[in-house]
Amino acid sequence: MLQYTIRRLLSLIPVMLIVSIIVFLIVHLTPGNPAYLILGEDSSQESIEQLEVQLGLDKPMVVQFFSWIGNVLTGDLGQSVYSSEPVTQIIIDHLGPTFSLMVISLVLTLLVAIPTAIFVVWKRNTALDPIFISISLLGVSIPEFWFAMLMVLCFGVAIPIFPVAGYIPVAEGAINWFYHLFLPAFVLAAVEIGLVARMLRDGMLESVNQDYTRTAKAKGVKESIVLMKHVFFNALIPTTTVIGTTIAGLLGGTVIIETMFTIPGIGQLLIDSIYRRDYPVIQGVILFIAAIYVLVNLLVDLLYAVLDPRIRYD
């Protein structure tokens, strides 16, 4: 296991390098001049050129890339062009809202998806199964931004139950923290619930007709015990993969949801940085998101061996 983990960690280096190159090229090829945006429309060409020299934007793109990637390898993501603050500190300052939103969304997803899938498998020969399939497909197909606007109109305007903007840190009160994040977290979770529940239901249905489940039933074991003790745990392997992609999907979904609900997280930071052409912040945020993606995939692979002792990597 240790050797496999080391190999996987080493394989992340070329992946992150390729991501760095793509991100750098996309960001710098996007139209817009940070110096012009900082100084404003009334600025002269000379002042713009002077600021470009100060920011290092006058150098060739190749020189800028190797200078930036050299600093990244030392743990320095650079400084914001807009605020002159360290990019690492900016990301840390905006990490709390995003992490909070992801945690609540993931908990809601698992609390709803797992019991629903188990119940549907238990009632698999009834009309509940096709109804579940239709609802799960609908949940996966609904665009997040449209569902978010619908929730805002329903529970923020027509029936003002939940706040539709702002964020309160958990240090100021766990109840208010949860209250402000419930609606955007529910929007994120609604899309993922159908996917996780559908995958868990399919995996359990495959195990229901296996020999070991029929043997357990023949011995007189209650079906509820068979479902929980045998069928459920054997269906966790493919479901774990989906949960891992769900975590990554939640991180990507926060870009839209945080913007719509005015939550000062990583997603909102990325959108604001794109408007400002704040190259170092854009590159740092995207690198951070990419690192989370690959690390989650690694943790999912390592979790396989915990869930199934038969799986060995070394």
C-alpha atoms as a PDB file:
ATOM      1  CA  MET A   1       0.000   0.000   0.000  1.00  0.00           C
ATOM      2  CA  LEU A   2       2.804   2.419   0.861  1.00  0.00           C
ATOM      3  CA  GLN A   3       4.617   1.799  -2.427  1.00  0.00           C
ATOM      4  CA  TYR A   4       1.380   2.280  -4.377  1.00  0.00           C
ATOM      5  CA  THR A   5       0.655   5.529  -2.539  1.00  0.00           C
ATOM      6  CA  ILE A   6       4.145   6.848  -3.292  1.00  0.00           C
ATOM      7  CA  ARG A   7       3.784   5.926  -6.970  1.00  0.00           C
ATOM      8  CA  ARG A   8       0.432   7.672  -7.172  1.00  0.00           C
ATOM      9  CA  LEU A   9       1.791  10.782  -5.473  1.00  0.00           C
ATOM     10  CA  LEU A  10       4.693  10.889  -7.923  1.00  0.00           C
ATOM     11  CA  SER A  11       2.288  10.485 -10.829  1.00  0.00           C
ATOM     12  CA  LEU A  12       0.525  13.655  -9.686  1.00  0.00           C
ATOM     13  CA  ILE A  13       3.575  15.730 -10.613  1.00  0.00           C
ATOM     14  CA  PRO A  14       3.206  15.471 -14.421  1.00  0.00           C
ATOM     15  CA  VAL A  15      -0.570  15.852 -14.099  1.00  0.00           C
ATOM     16  CA  MET A  16      -0.240  19.098 -12.171  1.00  0.00           C
ATOM     17  CA  LEU A  17       2.462  20.294 -14.579  1.00  0.00           C
ATOM     18  CA  ILE A  18       0.163  19.787 -17.570  1.00  0.00           C
ATOM     19  CA  VAL A  19      -2.663  21.520 -15.712  1.00  0.00           C
ATOM     20  CA  SER A  20      -0.322  24.416 -14.930  1.00  0.00           C
ATOM     21  CA  ILE A  21       0.634  24.849 -18.571  1.00  0.00           C
ATOM     22  CA  ILE A  22      -2.984  24.739 -19.758  1.00  0.00           C
ATOM     23  CA  VAL A  23      -4.161  27.145 -17.069  1.00  0.00           C
ATOM     24  CA  PHE A  24      -1.336  29.602 -17.754  1.00  0.00           C
ATOM     25  CA  LEU A  25      -1.971  29.623 -21.497  1.00  0.00           C
ATOM     26  CA  ILE A  26      -5.750  29.984 -21.180  1.00  0.00           C
ATOM     27  CA  VAL A  27      -5.473  32.806 -18.657  1.00  0.00           C
ATOM     28  CA  HIS A  28      -2.847  34.784 -20.566  1.00  0.00           C
ATOM     29  CA  LEU A  29      -4.491  34.317 -23.943  1.00  0.00           C
ATOM     30  CA  THR A  30      -7.781  35.682 -22.627  1.00  0.00           C
ATOM     31  CA  PRO A  31      -8.402  39.261 -23.872  1.00  0.00           C
ATOM     32  CA  GLY A  32      -7.976  41.961 -21.254  1.00  0.00           C
ATOM     33  CA  ASN A  33      -5.181  43.924 -19.601  1.00  0.00           C
ATOM     34  CA  PRO A  34      -4.918  43.850 -15.786  1.00  0.00           C
ATOM     35  CA  ALA A  35      -3.003  47.138 -15.761  1.00  0.00           C
ATOM     36  CA  TYR A  36      -5.761  48.850 -17.725  1.00  0.00           C
ATOM     37  CA  LEU A  37      -8.458  47.466 -15.405  1.00  0.00           C
ATOM     38  CA  ILE A  38      -6.560  48.589 -12.303  1.00  0.00           C
ATOM     39  CA  LEU A  39      -5.850  52.134 -13.506  1.00  0.00           C
ATOM     40  CA  GLY A  40      -9.219  52.695 -15.136  1.00  0.00           C
ATOM     41  CA  GLU A  41     -10.438  54.123 -18.431  1.00  0.00           C
ATOM     42  CA  ASP A  42      -8.913  57.580 -17.903  1.00  0.00           C
ATOM     43  CA  SER A  43      -5.361  56.276 -17.503  1.00  0.00           C
ATOM     44  CA  SER A  44      -2.687  57.161 -20.022  1.00  0.00           C
ATOM     45  CA  GLN A  45      -0.776  54.679 -22.119  1.00  0.00           C
ATOM     46  CA  GLU A  46       2.469  55.560 -20.323  1.00  0.00           C
ATOM     47  CA  SER A  47       1.043  54.803 -16.871  1.00  0.00           C
ATOM     48  CA  ILE A  48      -0.372  51.509 -18.164  1.00  0.00           C
ATOM     49  CA  GLU A  49       3.022  50.524 -19.556  1.00  0.00           C
ATOM     50  CA  GLN A  50       4.746  51.461 -16.293  1.00  0.00           C
ATOM     51  CA  LEU A  51       2.333  49.298 -14.299  1.00  0.00           C
ATOM     52  CA  GLU A  52       2.853  46.412 -16.743  1.00  0.00           C
ATOM     53  CA  VAL A  53       6.600  46.639 -16.051  1.00  0.00           C
ATOM     54  CA  GLN A  54       5.973  46.605 -12.294  1.00  0.00           C
ATOM     55  CA  LEU A  55       3.714  43.569 -12.603  1.00  0.00           C
ATOM     56  CA  GLY A  56       6.091  41.771 -14.969  1.00  0.00           C
ATOM     57  CA  LEU A  57       3.512  41.647 -17.739  1.00  0.00           C
ATOM     58  CA  ASP A  58       5.933  43.186 -20.247  1.00  0.00           C
ATOM     59  CA  LYS A  59       8.119  40.075 -20.298  1.00  0.00           C
ATOM     60  CA  PRO A  60       7.665  37.300 -22.895  1.00  0.00           C
ATOM     61  CA  MET A  61       5.040  34.715 -21.988  1.00  0.00           C
ATOM     62  CA  VAL A  62       7.640  31.929 -21.748  1.00  0.00           C
ATOM     63  CA  VAL A  63       9.656  33.943 -19.225  1.00  0.00           C
ATOM     64  CA  GLN A  64       6.507  34.690 -17.218  1.00  0.00           C
ATOM     65  CA  PHE A  65       5.568  31.002 -17.158  1.00  0.00           C
ATOM     66  CA  PHE A  66       8.916  29.694 -15.952  1.00  0.00           C
ATOM     67  CA  SER A  67       9.110  32.466 -13.368  1.00  0.00           C
ATOM     68  CA  TRP A  68       5.637  31.579 -12.099  1.00  0.00           C
ATOM     69  CA  ILE A  69       6.136  27.791 -12.127  1.00  0.00           C
ATOM     70  CA  GLY A  70       9.465  28.193 -10.336  1.00  0.00           C
ATOM     71  CA  ASN A  71       7.745  30.087  -7.544  1.00  0.00           C
ATOM     72  CA  VAL A  72       4.928  27.507  -7.411  1.00  0.00           C
ATOM     73  CA  LEU A  73       7.438  24.706  -6.857  1.00  0.00           C
ATOM     74  CA  THR A  74       8.665  26.564  -3.779  1.00  0.00           C
ATOM     75  CA  GLY A  75       5.114  26.977  -2.498  1.00  0.00           C
ATOM     76  CA  ASP A  76       4.736  30.586  -3.613  1.00  0.00           C
ATOM     77  CA  LEU A  77       1.655  31.172  -5.772  1.00  0.00           C
ATOM     78  CA  GLY A  78       2.571  34.822  -6.232  1.00  0.00           C
ATOM     79  CA  GLN A  79       0.761  38.007  -5.305  1.00  0.00           C
ATOM     80  CA  SER A  80      -2.587  39.308  -6.438  1.00  0.00           C
ATOM     81  CA  VAL A  81      -2.341  41.892  -9.181  1.00  0.00           C
ATOM     82  CA  TYR A  82      -5.438  43.616  -7.816  1.00  0.00           C
ATOM     83  CA  SER A  83      -4.745  43.712  -4.043  1.00  0.00           C
ATOM     84  CA  SER A  84      -1.014  42.794  -3.826  1.00  0.00           C
ATOM     85  CA  GLU A  85      -1.865  40.150  -1.193  1.00  0.00           C
ATOM     86  CA  PRO A  86      -0.280  36.669  -1.320  1.00  0.00           C
ATOM     87  CA  VAL A  87      -2.427  34.332  -3.406  1.00  0.00           C
ATOM     88  CA  THR A  88      -2.043  31.532  -0.860  1.00  0.00           C
ATOM     89  CA  GLN A  89      -3.452  33.726   1.905  1.00  0.00           C
ATOM     90  CA  ILE A  90      -6.326  34.863  -0.315  1.00  0.00           C
ATOM     91  CA  ILE A  91      -7.276  31.243  -1.015  1.00  0.00           C
ATOM     92  CA  ILE A  92      -7.082  30.360   2.685  1.00  0.00           C
ATOM     93  CA  ASP A  93      -9.303  33.335   3.559  1.00  0.00           C
ATOM     94  CA  HIS A  94     -11.971  32.156   1.099  1.00  0.00           C
ATOM     95  CA  LEU A  95     -11.676  28.453   1.869  1.00  0.00           C
ATOM     96  CA  GLY A  96     -13.994  28.456   4.904  1.00  0.00           C
ATOM     97  CA  PRO A  97     -17.278  29.242   3.091  1.00  0.00           C
ATOM     98  CA  THR A  98     -16.525  26.793   0.280  1.00  0.00           C
ATOM     99  CA  PHE A  99     -15.536  24.005   2.659  1.00  0.00           C
ATOM    100  CA  SER A 100     -18.642  24.645   4.779  1.00  0.00           C
ATOM    101  CA  LEU A 101     -20.876  24.536   1.727  1.00  0.00           C
ATOM    102  CA  MET A 102     -19.280  21.305   0.510  1.00  0.00           C
ATOM    103  CA  VAL A 103     -19.586  19.596   3.903  1.00  0.00           C
ATOM    104  CA  ILE A 104     -23.274  20.444   4.326  1.00  0.00           C
ATOM    105  CA  SER A 105     -24.016  19.434   0.719  1.00  0.00           C
ATOM    106  CA  LEU A 106     -22.196  16.122   1.089  1.00  0.00           C
ATOM    107  CA  VAL A 107     -23.937  15.324   4.387  1.00  0.00           C
ATOM    108  CA  LEU A 108     -27.342  16.115   2.861  1.00  0.00           C
ATOM    109  CA  THR A 109     -26.506  13.983  -0.158  1.00  0.00           C
ATOM    110  CA  LEU A 110     -25.543  10.938   1.905  1.00  0.00           C
ATOM    111  CA  LEU A 111     -28.392  11.331   4.407  1.00  0.00           C
ATOM    112  CA  VAL A 112     -30.948  11.285   1.596  1.00  0.00           C
ATOM    113  CA  ALA A 113     -29.327   9.083  -1.060  1.00  0.00           C
ATOM    114  CA  ILE A 114     -28.288   6.088   1.076  1.00  0.00           C
ATOM    115  CA  PRO A 115     -31.601   5.465   2.908  1.00  0.00           C
ATOM    116  CA  THR A 116     -33.528   6.098  -0.322  1.00  0.00           C
ATOM    117  CA  ALA A 117     -31.482   3.552  -2.283  1.00  0.00           C
ATOM    118  CA  ILE A 118     -31.810   0.932   0.464  1.00  0.00           C
ATOM    119  CA  PHE A 119     -35.563   1.470   0.704  1.00  0.00           C
ATOM    120  CA  VAL A 120     -35.991   1.233  -3.077  1.00  0.00           C
ATOM    121  CA  VAL A 121     -34.049  -2.057  -3.184  1.00  0.00           C
ATOM    122  CA  TRP A 122     -36.175  -3.370  -0.321  1.00  0.00           C
ATOM    123  CA  LYS A 123     -39.334  -2.456  -2.321  1.00  0.00           C
ATOM    124  CA  ARG A 124     -37.765  -3.400  -5.663  1.00  0.00           C
ATOM    125  CA  ASN A 125     -40.737  -5.333  -7.023  1.00  0.00           C
ATOM    126  CA  THR A 126     -43.209  -2.505  -6.523  1.00  0.00           C
ATOM    127  CA  ALA A 127     -44.140   0.647  -8.439  1.00  0.00           C
ATOM    128  CA  LEU A 128     -41.666   2.570  -6.296  1.00  0.00           C
ATOM    129  CA  ASP A 129     -38.700   1.460  -8.423  1.00  0.00           C
ATOM    130  CA  PRO A 130     -39.697   3.109 -11.738  1.00  0.00           C
ATOM    131  CA  ILE A 131     -40.776   6.239  -9.843  1.00  0.00           C
ATOM    132  CA  PHE A 132     -37.354   6.385  -8.207  1.00  0.00           C
ATOM    133  CA  ILE A 133     -35.587   6.001 -11.557  1.00  0.00           C
ATOM    134  CA  SER A 134     -37.591   8.848 -13.071  1.00  0.00           C
ATOM    135  CA  ILE A 135     -36.967  11.179 -10.127  1.00  0.00           C
ATOM    136  CA  SER A 136     -33.245  10.351 -10.000  1.00  0.00           C
ATOM    137  CA  LEU A 137     -32.849  11.039 -13.723  1.00  0.00           C
ATOM    138  CA  LEU A 138     -34.708  14.313 -13.283  1.00  0.00           C
ATOM    139  CA  GLY A 139     -32.423  15.314 -10.411  1.00  0.00           C
ATOM    140  CA  VAL A 140     -29.283  14.598 -12.406  1.00  0.00           C
ATOM    141  CA  SER A 141     -30.596  16.440 -15.468  1.00  0.00           C
ATOM    142  CA  ILE A 142     -31.692  19.671 -13.772  1.00  0.00           C
ATOM    143  CA  PRO A 143     -29.181  22.516 -14.346  1.00  0.00           C
ATOM    144  CA  GLU A 144     -27.840  23.856 -11.064  1.00  0.00           C
ATOM    145  CA  PHE A 145     -28.259  27.528 -11.968  1.00  0.00           C
ATOM    146  CA  TRP A 146     -31.914  27.028 -12.973  1.00  0.00           C
ATOM    147  CA  PHE A 147     -32.704  25.052  -9.832  1.00  0.00           C
ATOM    148  CA  ALA A 148     -30.938  27.676  -7.734  1.00  0.00           C
ATOM    149  CA  MET A 149     -33.041  30.465  -9.239  1.00  0.00           C
ATOM    150  CA  LEU A 150     -36.181  28.393  -8.648  1.00  0.00           C
ATOM    151  CA  MET A 151     -35.283  27.876  -4.978  1.00  0.00           C
ATOM    152  CA  VAL A 152     -34.540  31.586  -4.556  1.00  0.00           C
ATOM    153  CA  LEU A 153     -37.919  32.527  -6.034  1.00  0.00           C
ATOM    154  CA  CYS A 154     -39.769  29.935  -3.960  1.00  0.00           C
ATOM    155  CA  PHE A 155     -38.087  30.134  -0.553  1.00  0.00           C
ATOM    156  CA  GLY A 156     -36.476  33.560  -0.745  1.00  0.00           C
ATOM    157  CA  VAL A 157     -39.125  35.687  -2.442  1.00  0.00           C
ATOM    158  CA  ALA A 158     -42.544  33.991  -2.532  1.00  0.00           C
ATOM    159  CA  ILE A 159     -42.113  32.248   0.830  1.00  0.00           C
ATOM    160  CA  PRO A 160     -39.183  34.025   2.528  1.00  0.00           C
ATOM    161  CA  ILE A 161     -37.983  31.213   4.769  1.00  0.00           C
ATOM    162  CA  PHE A 162     -34.259  31.126   3.997  1.00  0.00           C
ATOM    163  CA  PRO A 163     -31.768  33.912   3.263  1.00  0.00           C
ATOM    164  CA  VAL A 164     -30.615  33.982  -0.344  1.00  0.00           C
ATOM    165  CA  ALA A 165     -27.363  35.925   0.074  1.00  0.00           C
ATOM    166  CA  GLY A 166     -24.465  36.272   2.477  1.00  0.00           C
ATOM    167  CA  TYR A 167     -22.460  34.015   4.740  1.00  0.00           C
ATOM    168  CA  ILE A 168     -22.031  33.762   8.515  1.00  0.00           C
ATOM    169  CA  PRO A 169     -18.931  31.942   9.858  1.00  0.00           C
ATOM    170  CA  VAL A 170     -19.557  28.984  12.127  1.00  0.00           C
ATOM    171  CA  ALA A 171     -17.689  30.808  14.897  1.00  0.00           C
ATOM    172  CA  GLU A 172     -20.548  33.311  15.084  1.00  0.00           C
ATOM    173  CA  GLY A 173     -23.122  30.591  15.688  1.00  0.00           C
ATOM    174  CA  ALA A 174     -23.593  27.119  14.240  1.00  0.00           C
ATOM    175  CA  ILE A 175     -27.354  27.585  13.828  1.00  0.00           C
ATOM    176  CA  ASN A 176     -27.039  30.802  11.802  1.00  0.00           C
ATOM    177  CA  TRP A 177     -24.152  29.268   9.850  1.00  0.00           C
ATOM    178  CA  PHE A 178     -26.269  26.275   8.859  1.00  0.00           C
ATOM    179  CA  TYR A 179     -29.350  28.434   8.276  1.00  0.00           C
ATOM    180  CA  HIS A 180     -27.571  30.664   5.748  1.00  0.00           C
ATOM    181  CA  LEU A 181     -25.967  27.763   3.886  1.00  0.00           C
ATOM    182  CA  PHE A 182     -28.869  25.312   3.833  1.00  0.00           C
ATOM    183  CA  LEU A 183     -30.520  26.566   0.637  1.00  0.00           C
ATOM    184  CA  PRO A 184     -27.374  26.696  -1.543  1.00  0.00           C
ATOM    185  CA  ALA A 185     -26.215  23.398  -0.035  1.00  0.00           C
ATOM    186  CA  PHE A 186     -29.571  21.828  -0.863  1.00  0.00           C
ATOM    187  CA  VAL A 187     -29.266  23.020  -4.465  1.00  0.00           C
ATOM    188  CA  LEU A 188     -25.835  21.385  -4.766  1.00  0.00           C
ATOM    189  CA  ALA A 189     -27.003  18.207  -3.026  1.00  0.00           C
ATOM    190  CA  ALA A 190     -30.159  17.838  -5.135  1.00  0.00           C
ATOM    191  CA  VAL A 191     -28.101  17.231  -8.272  1.00  0.00           C
ATOM    192  CA  GLU A 192     -25.833  14.677  -6.576  1.00  0.00           C
ATOM    193  CA  ILE A 193     -28.511  12.772  -4.628  1.00  0.00           C
ATOM    194  CA  GLY A 194     -29.943  11.168  -7.748  1.00  0.00           C
ATOM    195  CA  LEU A 195     -26.517  10.051  -8.977  1.00  0.00           C
ATOM    196  CA  VAL A 196     -25.371   8.532  -5.668  1.00  0.00           C
ATOM    197  CA  ALA A 197     -28.725   6.883  -4.946  1.00  0.00           C
ATOM    198  CA  ARG A 198     -28.956   5.439  -8.457  1.00  0.00           C
ATOM    199  CA  MET A 199     -25.441   3.983  -8.297  1.00  0.00           C
ATOM    200  CA  LEU A 200     -26.005   2.483  -4.845  1.00  0.00           C
ATOM    201  CA  ARG A 201     -29.341   1.040  -5.912  1.00  0.00           C
ATOM    202  CA  ASP A 202     -27.818  -0.559  -9.043  1.00  0.00           C
ATOM    203  CA  GLY A 203     -24.927  -2.023  -7.036  1.00  0.00           C
ATOM    204  CA  MET A 204     -27.276  -3.475  -4.427  1.00  0.00           C
ATOM    205  CA  LEU A 205     -29.539  -4.989  -7.073  1.00  0.00           C
ATOM    206  CA  GLU A 206     -26.530  -6.804  -8.545  1.00  0.00           C
ATOM    207  CA  SER A 207     -25.745  -8.300  -5.138  1.00  0.00           C
ATOM    208  CA  VAL A 208     -29.334  -9.259  -4.311  1.00  0.00           C
ATOM    209  CA  ASN A 209     -29.325 -12.169  -6.753  1.00  0.00           C
ATOM    210  CA  GLN A 210     -25.865 -13.494  -5.851  1.00  0.00           C
ATOM    211  CA  ASP A 211     -25.410 -16.949  -4.350  1.00  0.00           C
ATOM    212  CA  TYR A 212     -24.364 -15.703  -0.921  1.00  0.00           C
ATOM    213  CA  THR A 213     -27.542 -13.651  -0.525  1.00  0.00           C
ATOM    214  CA  ARG A 214     -29.737 -16.566  -1.560  1.00  0.00           C
ATOM    215  CA  THR A 215     -27.863 -18.791   0.873  1.00  0.00           C
ATOM    216  CA  ALA A 216     -28.433 -16.306   3.686  1.00  0.00           C
ATOM    217  CA  LYS A 217     -32.124 -16.131   2.889  1.00  0.00           C
ATOM    218  CA  ALA A 218     -32.324 -19.938   2.751  1.00  0.00           C
ATOM    219  CA  LYS A 219     -30.889 -20.059   6.272  1.00  0.00           C
ATOM    220  CA  GLY A 220     -33.753 -17.912   7.478  1.00  0.00           C
ATOM    221  CA  VAL A 221     -31.934 -14.597   7.799  1.00  0.00           C
ATOM    222  CA  LYS A 222     -34.285 -11.645   7.616  1.00  0.00           C
ATOM    223  CA  GLU A 223     -34.177  -9.721   4.360  1.00  0.00           C
ATOM    224  CA  SER A 224     -33.447  -6.446   6.167  1.00  0.00           C
ATOM    225  CA  ILE A 225     -30.340  -8.018   7.724  1.00  0.00           C
ATOM    226  CA  VAL A 226     -29.300  -9.486   4.364  1.00  0.00           C
ATOM    227  CA  LEU A 227     -29.637  -6.074   2.713  1.00  0.00           C
ATOM    228  CA  MET A 228     -27.614  -4.247   5.364  1.00  0.00           C
ATOM    229  CA  LYS A 229     -24.990  -6.859   6.241  1.00  0.00           C
ATOM    230  CA  HIS A 230     -24.300  -8.410   2.839  1.00  0.00           C
ATOM    231  CA  VAL A 231     -25.801  -6.444  -0.035  1.00  0.00           C
ATOM    232  CA  PHE A 232     -25.131  -2.893   1.159  1.00  0.00           C
ATOM    233  CA  PHE A 233     -21.441  -3.279   1.960  1.00  0.00           C
ATOM    234  CA  ASN A 234     -20.736  -5.115  -1.301  1.00  0.00           C
ATOM    235  CA  ALA A 235     -22.266  -2.228  -3.223  1.00  0.00           C
ATOM    236  CA  LEU A 236     -20.061   0.353  -1.513  1.00  0.00           C
ATOM    237  CA  ILE A 237     -17.090  -0.079  -3.877  1.00  0.00           C
ATOM    238  CA  PRO A 238     -18.696   1.460  -7.012  1.00  0.00           C
ATOM    239  CA  THR A 239     -20.672   3.884  -4.849  1.00  0.00           C
ATOM    240  CA  THR A 240     -17.469   5.145  -3.237  1.00  0.00           C
ATOM    241  CA  THR A 241     -16.176   6.075  -6.674  1.00  0.00           C
ATOM    242  CA  VAL A 242     -19.303   8.108  -7.336  1.00  0.00           C
ATOM    243  CA  ILE A 243     -19.058   9.787  -3.933  1.00  0.00           C
ATOM    244  CA  GLY A 244     -15.468  10.747  -4.754  1.00  0.00           C
ATOM    245  CA  THR A 245     -16.528  12.335  -8.030  1.00  0.00           C
ATOM    246  CA  THR A 246     -19.411  13.946  -6.139  1.00  0.00           C
ATOM    247  CA  ILE A 247     -16.961  15.715  -3.823  1.00  0.00           C
ATOM    248  CA  ALA A 248     -15.052  17.000  -6.835  1.00  0.00           C
ATOM    249  CA  GLY A 249     -18.328  17.956  -8.502  1.00  0.00           C
ATOM    250  CA  LEU A 250     -19.421  19.883  -5.436  1.00  0.00           C
ATOM    251  CA  LEU A 251     -16.190  21.861  -5.550  1.00  0.00           C
ATOM    252  CA  GLY A 252     -16.824  22.751  -9.175  1.00  0.00           C
ATOM    253  CA  GLY A 253     -20.493  23.482  -8.545  1.00  0.00           C
ATOM    254  CA  THR A 254     -19.686  26.025  -5.878  1.00  0.00           C
ATOM    255  CA  VAL A 255     -18.413  28.385  -8.582  1.00  0.00           C
ATOM    256  CA  ILE A 256     -21.985  28.870  -9.825  1.00  0.00           C
ATOM    257  CA  ILE A 257     -23.810  28.572  -6.515  1.00  0.00           C
ATOM    258  CA  GLU A 258     -21.503  30.898  -4.587  1.00  0.00           C
ATOM    259  CA  THR A 259     -21.924  33.537  -7.269  1.00  0.00           C
ATOM    260  CA  MET A 260     -25.713  33.279  -7.228  1.00  0.00           C
ATOM    261  CA  PHE A 261     -25.982  33.282  -3.420  1.00  0.00           C
ATOM    262  CA  THR A 262     -23.168  35.833  -2.872  1.00  0.00           C
ATOM    263  CA  ILE A 263     -21.077  33.488  -0.747  1.00  0.00           C
ATOM    264  CA  PRO A 264     -17.452  34.694  -0.409  1.00  0.00           C
ATOM    265  CA  GLY A 265     -15.831  31.359  -1.186  1.00  0.00           C
ATOM    266  CA  ILE A 266     -13.396  29.963  -3.719  1.00  0.00           C
ATOM    267  CA  GLY A 267     -15.957  30.040  -6.514  1.00  0.00           C
ATOM    268  CA  GLN A 268     -16.832  33.686  -5.956  1.00  0.00           C
ATOM    269  CA  LEU A 269     -13.118  34.491  -5.729  1.00  0.00           C
ATOM    270  CA  LEU A 270     -12.499  32.821  -9.083  1.00  0.00           C
ATOM    271  CA  ILE A 271     -15.284  34.730 -10.825  1.00  0.00           C
ATOM    272  CA  ASP A 272     -14.161  38.071  -9.370  1.00  0.00           C
ATOM    273  CA  SER A 273     -10.551  37.349 -10.357  1.00  0.00           C
ATOM    274  CA  ILE A 274     -11.596  36.587 -13.927  1.00  0.00           C
ATOM    275  CA  TYR A 275     -13.397  39.925 -14.167  1.00  0.00           C
ATOM    276  CA  ARG A 276     -10.303  41.708 -12.830  1.00  0.00           C
ATOM    277  CA  ARG A 277      -7.884  39.682 -14.995  1.00  0.00           C
ATOM    278  CA  ASP A 278      -6.017  38.867 -11.783  1.00  0.00           C
ATOM    279  CA  TYR A 279      -3.766  36.238 -13.363  1.00  0.00           C
ATOM    280  CA  PRO A 280      -1.960  34.944 -10.236  1.00  0.00           C
ATOM    281  CA  VAL A 281      -5.220  34.432  -8.315  1.00  0.00           C
ATOM    282  CA  ILE A 282      -6.921  32.694 -11.250  1.00  0.00           C
ATOM    283  CA  GLN A 283      -3.970  30.358 -11.722  1.00  0.00           C
ATOM    284  CA  GLY A 284      -3.694  29.664  -7.998  1.00  0.00           C
ATOM    285  CA  VAL A 285      -7.402  28.892  -7.557  1.00  0.00           C
ATOM    286  CA  ILE A 286      -7.550  26.562 -10.559  1.00  0.00           C
ATOM    287  CA  LEU A 287      -4.393  24.776  -9.412  1.00  0.00           C
ATOM    288  CA  PHE A 288      -5.938  24.383  -5.975  1.00  0.00           C
ATOM    289  CA  ILE A 289      -9.147  22.915  -7.443  1.00  0.00           C
ATOM    290  CA  ALA A 290      -7.136  20.545  -9.663  1.00  0.00           C
ATOM    291  CA  ALA A 291      -5.069  19.397  -6.664  1.00  0.00           C
ATOM    292  CA  ILE A 292      -8.282  18.638  -4.729  1.00  0.00           C
ATOM    293  CA  TYR A 293      -9.574  16.608  -7.674  1.00  0.00           C
ATOM    294  CA  VAL A 294      -6.502  14.394  -7.941  1.00  0.00           C
ATOM    295  CA  LEU A 295      -6.135  13.981  -4.177  1.00  0.00           C
ATOM    296  CA  VAL A 296      -9.768  12.917  -3.827  1.00  0.00           C
ATOM    297  CA  ASN A 297      -9.271  10.321  -6.567  1.00  0.00           C
ATOM    298  CA  LEU A 298      -6.204   9.021  -4.724  1.00  0.00           C
ATOM    299  CA  LEU A 299      -8.087   8.780  -1.423  1.00  0.00           C
ATOM    300  CA  VAL A 300     -10.926   6.916  -3.139  1.00  0.00           C
ATOM    301  CA  ASP A 301      -8.495   4.358  -4.560  1.00  0.00           C
ATOM    302  CA  LEU A 302      -6.907   3.850  -1.137  1.00  0.00           C
ATOM    303  CA  LEU A 303     -10.339   3.501   0.457  1.00  0.00           C
ATOM    304  CA  TYR A 304     -11.077   0.501  -1.770  1.00  0.00           C
ATOM    305  CA  ALA A 305      -8.602  -1.605   0.203  1.00  0.00           C
ATOM    306  CA  VAL A 306     -10.308  -0.593   3.449  1.00  0.00           C
ATOM    307  CA  LEU A 307     -13.789  -1.490   2.210  1.00  0.00           C
ATOM    308  CA  ASP A 308     -12.685  -4.753   0.570  1.00  0.00           C
ATOM    309  CA  PRO A 309      -9.720  -6.579   2.190  1.00  0.00           C
ATOM    310  CA  ARG A 310      -9.336  -8.677  -0.974  1.00  0.00           C
ATOM    311  CA  ILE A 311      -8.032  -5.621  -2.854  1.00  0.00           C
ATOM    312  CA  ARG A 312      -4.263  -5.312  -2.677  1.00  0.00           C
ATOM    313  CA  TYR A 313      -2.125  -2.777  -4.514  1.00  0.00           C
ATOM    314  CA  ASP A 314       1.354  -4.067  -3.607  1.00  0.00           C
END
